[in-house]
Amino acid sequence: MLKHFLVKKENKNIKFVSESRIHNLAQKVQQTHQQKLTFSKHDRLKSKKRIAEIFEQGLKIKQYPFVLHYLPVESVCSQVQIVVSVPKKKIKSAVKRNRLKRQIKEAYRLNKPKFYKQLVQKNQKLALFLVFIGKEKEDYHYLEKNLTLLLNQLIEKL
């Protein structure tokens, strides 16, 4: 039995759309999303419940200056959802912490297509919690190199 959903159009006419059509559209959006170099809302992990699961049941990989906690998951709207954390204990200044977080997210965003491609081949979906454990603000290229090494280690472990 096909389920139908009401969808409002711009001109406020109502249209019936089947569940399979919505599923197909969602797949197309996900495929185009993977090809772009973006770090969108769907890529961010915001669920406190999922974050707690990562720390309780997840595994971890260390690659200085990062520790990556990860958990293979079933239902995620994106292939990978990630949280980036820079502890206040390590970097006191909020300005420096926020800059580091932006640099880490940018390094992840640029390396995401290669990472996604390998995950799709292995048919995996992940929730990641990336923690910066360095003692000082690092150079962007150093961060990017070590993040790439960390993501490659993760792919090898899966």
C-alpha atoms as a PDB file:
ATOM      1  CA  MET A   1       0.000   0.000   0.000  1.00  0.00           C
ATOM      2  CA  LEU A   2       1.429   3.363  -0.988  1.00  0.00           C
ATOM      3  CA  LYS A   3       1.302   6.144   1.526  1.00  0.00           C
ATOM      4  CA  HIS A   4       0.627   9.629   0.254  1.00  0.00           C
ATOM      5  CA  PHE A   5       1.672  12.892   1.809  1.00  0.00           C
ATOM      6  CA  LEU A   6       0.239  16.343   1.350  1.00  0.00           C
ATOM      7  CA  VAL A   7       2.741  18.800  -0.025  1.00  0.00           C
ATOM      8  CA  LYS A   8       1.996  22.510  -0.307  1.00  0.00           C
ATOM      9  CA  LYS A   9       3.276  24.266  -3.371  1.00  0.00           C
ATOM     10  CA  GLU A  10       4.198  27.923  -3.669  1.00  0.00           C
ATOM     11  CA  ASN A  11       0.847  28.802  -5.198  1.00  0.00           C
ATOM     12  CA  LYS A  12      -0.796  27.028  -2.227  1.00  0.00           C
ATOM     13  CA  ASN A  13      -2.260  24.192  -4.260  1.00  0.00           C
ATOM     14  CA  ILE A  14      -2.126  20.833  -2.543  1.00  0.00           C
ATOM     15  CA  LYS A  15      -0.382  17.933  -4.236  1.00  0.00           C
ATOM     16  CA  PHE A  16      -0.247  14.274  -3.227  1.00  0.00           C
ATOM     17  CA  VAL A  17       3.245  12.755  -3.254  1.00  0.00           C
ATOM     18  CA  SER A  18       3.987   9.074  -2.696  1.00  0.00           C
ATOM     19  CA  GLU A  19       6.432   7.873  -0.040  1.00  0.00           C
ATOM     20  CA  SER A  20       8.673   6.291  -2.699  1.00  0.00           C
ATOM     21  CA  ARG A  21       8.911   9.627  -4.542  1.00  0.00           C
ATOM     22  CA  ILE A  22       9.976  11.363  -1.327  1.00  0.00           C
ATOM     23  CA  HIS A  23      12.572   8.630  -0.723  1.00  0.00           C
ATOM     24  CA  ASN A  24      13.946   9.076  -4.273  1.00  0.00           C
ATOM     25  CA  LEU A  25      14.159  12.842  -3.819  1.00  0.00           C
ATOM     26  CA  ALA A  26      15.963  12.389  -0.489  1.00  0.00           C
ATOM     27  CA  GLN A  27      18.521  10.106  -2.164  1.00  0.00           C
ATOM     28  CA  LYS A  28      19.140  12.645  -4.929  1.00  0.00           C
ATOM     29  CA  VAL A  29      19.628  15.411  -2.386  1.00  0.00           C
ATOM     30  CA  GLN A  30      22.074  13.239  -0.440  1.00  0.00           C
ATOM     31  CA  GLN A  31      24.060  12.386  -3.589  1.00  0.00           C
ATOM     32  CA  THR A  32      24.394  16.015  -4.657  1.00  0.00           C
ATOM     33  CA  HIS A  33      25.169  16.984  -1.058  1.00  0.00           C
ATOM     34  CA  GLN A  34      28.050  14.486  -0.975  1.00  0.00           C
ATOM     35  CA  GLN A  35      29.583  15.896  -4.134  1.00  0.00           C
ATOM     36  CA  LYS A  36      29.658  19.464  -2.838  1.00  0.00           C
ATOM     37  CA  LEU A  37      32.318  20.776  -0.510  1.00  0.00           C
ATOM     38  CA  THR A  38      29.879  21.892   2.183  1.00  0.00           C
ATOM     39  CA  PHE A  39      29.546  21.543   5.918  1.00  0.00           C
ATOM     40  CA  SER A  40      25.799  21.874   6.295  1.00  0.00           C
ATOM     41  CA  LYS A  41      23.323  21.509   9.130  1.00  0.00           C
ATOM     42  CA  HIS A  42      22.825  17.833   8.221  1.00  0.00           C
ATOM     43  CA  ASP A  43      26.534  17.138   8.763  1.00  0.00           C
ATOM     44  CA  ARG A  44      26.504  18.439  12.333  1.00  0.00           C
ATOM     45  CA  LEU A  45      25.705  16.131  15.203  1.00  0.00           C
ATOM     46  CA  LYS A  46      23.408  17.890  17.665  1.00  0.00           C
ATOM     47  CA  SER A  47      21.631  15.053  19.463  1.00  0.00           C
ATOM     48  CA  LYS A  48      22.690  14.847  23.118  1.00  0.00           C
ATOM     49  CA  LYS A  49      21.463  11.261  23.164  1.00  0.00           C
ATOM     50  CA  ARG A  50      23.689  10.275  20.206  1.00  0.00           C
ATOM     51  CA  ILE A  51      26.686  12.113  21.705  1.00  0.00           C
ATOM     52  CA  ALA A  52      26.219  10.183  24.970  1.00  0.00           C
ATOM     53  CA  GLU A  53      26.060   6.930  22.968  1.00  0.00           C
ATOM     54  CA  ILE A  54      29.361   7.779  21.266  1.00  0.00           C
ATOM     55  CA  PHE A  55      31.120   8.101  24.619  1.00  0.00           C
ATOM     56  CA  GLU A  56      29.425   5.055  26.187  1.00  0.00           C
ATOM     57  CA  GLN A  57      29.561   2.544  23.329  1.00  0.00           C
ATOM     58  CA  GLY A  58      31.883   4.118  20.773  1.00  0.00           C
ATOM     59  CA  LEU A  59      35.515   3.530  19.925  1.00  0.00           C
ATOM     60  CA  LYS A  60      38.350   6.039  19.793  1.00  0.00           C
ATOM     61  CA  ILE A  61      41.415   6.804  17.717  1.00  0.00           C
ATOM     62  CA  LYS A  62      44.227   9.160  18.684  1.00  0.00           C
ATOM     63  CA  GLN A  63      46.337  11.174  16.267  1.00  0.00           C
ATOM     64  CA  TYR A  64      47.926  14.173  17.980  1.00  0.00           C
ATOM     65  CA  PRO A  65      46.492  16.844  18.261  1.00  0.00           C
ATOM     66  CA  PHE A  66      43.125  15.030  17.946  1.00  0.00           C
ATOM     67  CA  VAL A  67      41.128  12.285  19.613  1.00  0.00           C
ATOM     68  CA  LEU A  68      38.284  10.932  17.493  1.00  0.00           C
ATOM     69  CA  HIS A  69      35.406   9.145  19.214  1.00  0.00           C
ATOM     70  CA  TYR A  70      33.223   7.341  16.683  1.00  0.00           C
ATOM     71  CA  LEU A  71      30.210   5.077  16.542  1.00  0.00           C
ATOM     72  CA  PRO A  72      28.798   3.231  13.508  1.00  0.00           C
ATOM     73  CA  VAL A  73      25.081   4.060  13.344  1.00  0.00           C
ATOM     74  CA  GLU A  74      22.074   2.993  11.317  1.00  0.00           C
ATOM     75  CA  SER A  75      19.789   5.981  10.992  1.00  0.00           C
ATOM     76  CA  VAL A  76      21.592   9.193  10.180  1.00  0.00           C
ATOM     77  CA  CYS A  77      20.311  11.707   7.631  1.00  0.00           C
ATOM     78  CA  SER A  78      23.868  12.212   6.359  1.00  0.00           C
ATOM     79  CA  GLN A  79      26.617   9.630   5.789  1.00  0.00           C
ATOM     80  CA  VAL A  80      28.608  11.171   8.650  1.00  0.00           C
ATOM     81  CA  GLN A  81      27.605  13.526  11.425  1.00  0.00           C
ATOM     82  CA  ILE A  82      30.360  15.258  13.362  1.00  0.00           C
ATOM     83  CA  VAL A  83      30.944  17.458  16.418  1.00  0.00           C
ATOM     84  CA  VAL A  84      34.151  19.440  16.841  1.00  0.00           C
ATOM     85  CA  SER A  85      35.257  20.303  20.363  1.00  0.00           C
ATOM     86  CA  VAL A  86      38.126  22.451  21.619  1.00  0.00           C
ATOM     87  CA  PRO A  87      38.242  22.256  25.445  1.00  0.00           C
ATOM     88  CA  LYS A  88      38.428  25.442  27.477  1.00  0.00           C
ATOM     89  CA  LYS A  89      40.975  23.716  29.717  1.00  0.00           C
ATOM     90  CA  LYS A  90      43.465  23.546  26.818  1.00  0.00           C
ATOM     91  CA  ILE A  91      42.740  26.859  25.037  1.00  0.00           C
ATOM     92  CA  LYS A  92      41.598  29.581  27.448  1.00  0.00           C
ATOM     93  CA  SER A  93      40.688  32.332  24.988  1.00  0.00           C
ATOM     94  CA  ALA A  94      37.249  31.953  23.385  1.00  0.00           C
ATOM     95  CA  VAL A  95      38.481  33.752  20.264  1.00  0.00           C
ATOM     96  CA  LYS A  96      41.317  31.227  19.811  1.00  0.00           C
ATOM     97  CA  ARG A  97      38.993  28.276  20.540  1.00  0.00           C
ATOM     98  CA  ASN A  98      36.464  29.424  17.952  1.00  0.00           C
ATOM     99  CA  ARG A  99      39.183  30.028  15.370  1.00  0.00           C
ATOM    100  CA  LEU A 100      40.559  26.519  15.929  1.00  0.00           C
ATOM    101  CA  LYS A 101      37.068  25.035  15.565  1.00  0.00           C
ATOM    102  CA  ARG A 102      36.574  26.922  12.286  1.00  0.00           C
ATOM    103  CA  GLN A 103      39.951  25.710  10.978  1.00  0.00           C
ATOM    104  CA  ILE A 104      39.204  22.092  11.940  1.00  0.00           C
ATOM    105  CA  LYS A 105      35.760  22.226  10.312  1.00  0.00           C
ATOM    106  CA  GLU A 106      37.304  23.706   7.166  1.00  0.00           C
ATOM    107  CA  ALA A 107      39.937  20.948   7.003  1.00  0.00           C
ATOM    108  CA  TYR A 108      37.171  18.347   7.418  1.00  0.00           C
ATOM    109  CA  ARG A 109      34.998  20.033   4.771  1.00  0.00           C
ATOM    110  CA  LEU A 110      37.795  19.954   2.194  1.00  0.00           C
ATOM    111  CA  ASN A 111      38.635  16.286   2.862  1.00  0.00           C
ATOM    112  CA  LYS A 112      35.022  15.135   3.152  1.00  0.00           C
ATOM    113  CA  PRO A 113      34.453  13.919  -0.462  1.00  0.00           C
ATOM    114  CA  LYS A 114      37.319  11.391  -0.307  1.00  0.00           C
ATOM    115  CA  PHE A 115      36.179  10.260   3.128  1.00  0.00           C
ATOM    116  CA  TYR A 116      32.526   9.886   1.992  1.00  0.00           C
ATOM    117  CA  LYS A 117      33.542   7.903  -1.082  1.00  0.00           C
ATOM    118  CA  GLN A 118      35.384   5.344   1.048  1.00  0.00           C
ATOM    119  CA  LEU A 119      32.505   5.121   3.536  1.00  0.00           C
ATOM    120  CA  VAL A 120      29.977   4.518   0.765  1.00  0.00           C
ATOM    121  CA  GLN A 121      32.164   1.696  -0.574  1.00  0.00           C
ATOM    122  CA  LYS A 122      32.190   0.113   2.903  1.00  0.00           C
ATOM    123  CA  ASN A 123      28.467   0.852   3.369  1.00  0.00           C
ATOM    124  CA  GLN A 124      29.011   2.641   6.700  1.00  0.00           C
ATOM    125  CA  LYS A 125      27.311   5.536   8.450  1.00  0.00           C
ATOM    126  CA  LEU A 126      29.094   7.179  11.365  1.00  0.00           C
ATOM    127  CA  ALA A 127      28.645   9.589  14.234  1.00  0.00           C
ATOM    128  CA  LEU A 128      31.927  11.334  15.087  1.00  0.00           C
ATOM    129  CA  PHE A 129      33.073  13.422  18.031  1.00  0.00           C
ATOM    130  CA  LEU A 130      36.390  15.138  17.294  1.00  0.00           C
ATOM    131  CA  VAL A 131      38.278  16.586  20.275  1.00  0.00           C
ATOM    132  CA  PHE A 132      41.319  18.848  19.964  1.00  0.00           C
ATOM    133  CA  ILE A 133      43.884  17.847  22.633  1.00  0.00           C
ATOM    134  CA  GLY A 134      46.786  20.087  21.608  1.00  0.00           C
ATOM    135  CA  LYS A 135      48.194  22.555  24.106  1.00  0.00           C
ATOM    136  CA  GLU A 136      48.358  25.546  21.792  1.00  0.00           C
ATOM    137  CA  LYS A 137      46.938  26.997  18.616  1.00  0.00           C
ATOM    138  CA  GLU A 138      48.347  25.052  15.662  1.00  0.00           C
ATOM    139  CA  ASP A 139      49.043  25.975  12.040  1.00  0.00           C
ATOM    140  CA  TYR A 140      46.161  25.175   9.643  1.00  0.00           C
ATOM    141  CA  HIS A 141      48.274  22.917   7.404  1.00  0.00           C
ATOM    142  CA  TYR A 142      49.415  20.919  10.435  1.00  0.00           C
ATOM    143  CA  LEU A 143      45.786  20.482  11.522  1.00  0.00           C
ATOM    144  CA  GLU A 144      44.677  19.450   8.034  1.00  0.00           C
ATOM    145  CA  LYS A 145      47.512  16.921   7.638  1.00  0.00           C
ATOM    146  CA  ASN A 146      46.774  15.265  10.976  1.00  0.00           C
ATOM    147  CA  LEU A 147      43.009  15.282  10.424  1.00  0.00           C
ATOM    148  CA  THR A 148      43.542  13.563   7.059  1.00  0.00           C
ATOM    149  CA  LEU A 149      45.750  10.942   8.738  1.00  0.00           C
ATOM    150  CA  LEU A 150      43.087  10.440  11.398  1.00  0.00           C
ATOM    151  CA  LEU A 151      40.300   9.962   8.832  1.00  0.00           C
ATOM    152  CA  ASN A 152      42.479   7.461   6.927  1.00  0.00           C
ATOM    153  CA  GLN A 153      43.090   5.526  10.168  1.00  0.00           C
ATOM    154  CA  LEU A 154      39.342   5.459  10.751  1.00  0.00           C
ATOM    155  CA  ILE A 155      38.678   4.049   7.267  1.00  0.00           C
ATOM    156  CA  GLU A 156      41.302   1.325   7.837  1.00  0.00           C
ATOM    157  CA  LYS A 157      39.714   0.337  11.161  1.00  0.00           C
ATOM    158  CA  LEU A 158      36.220  -0.036   9.691  1.00  0.00           C
END
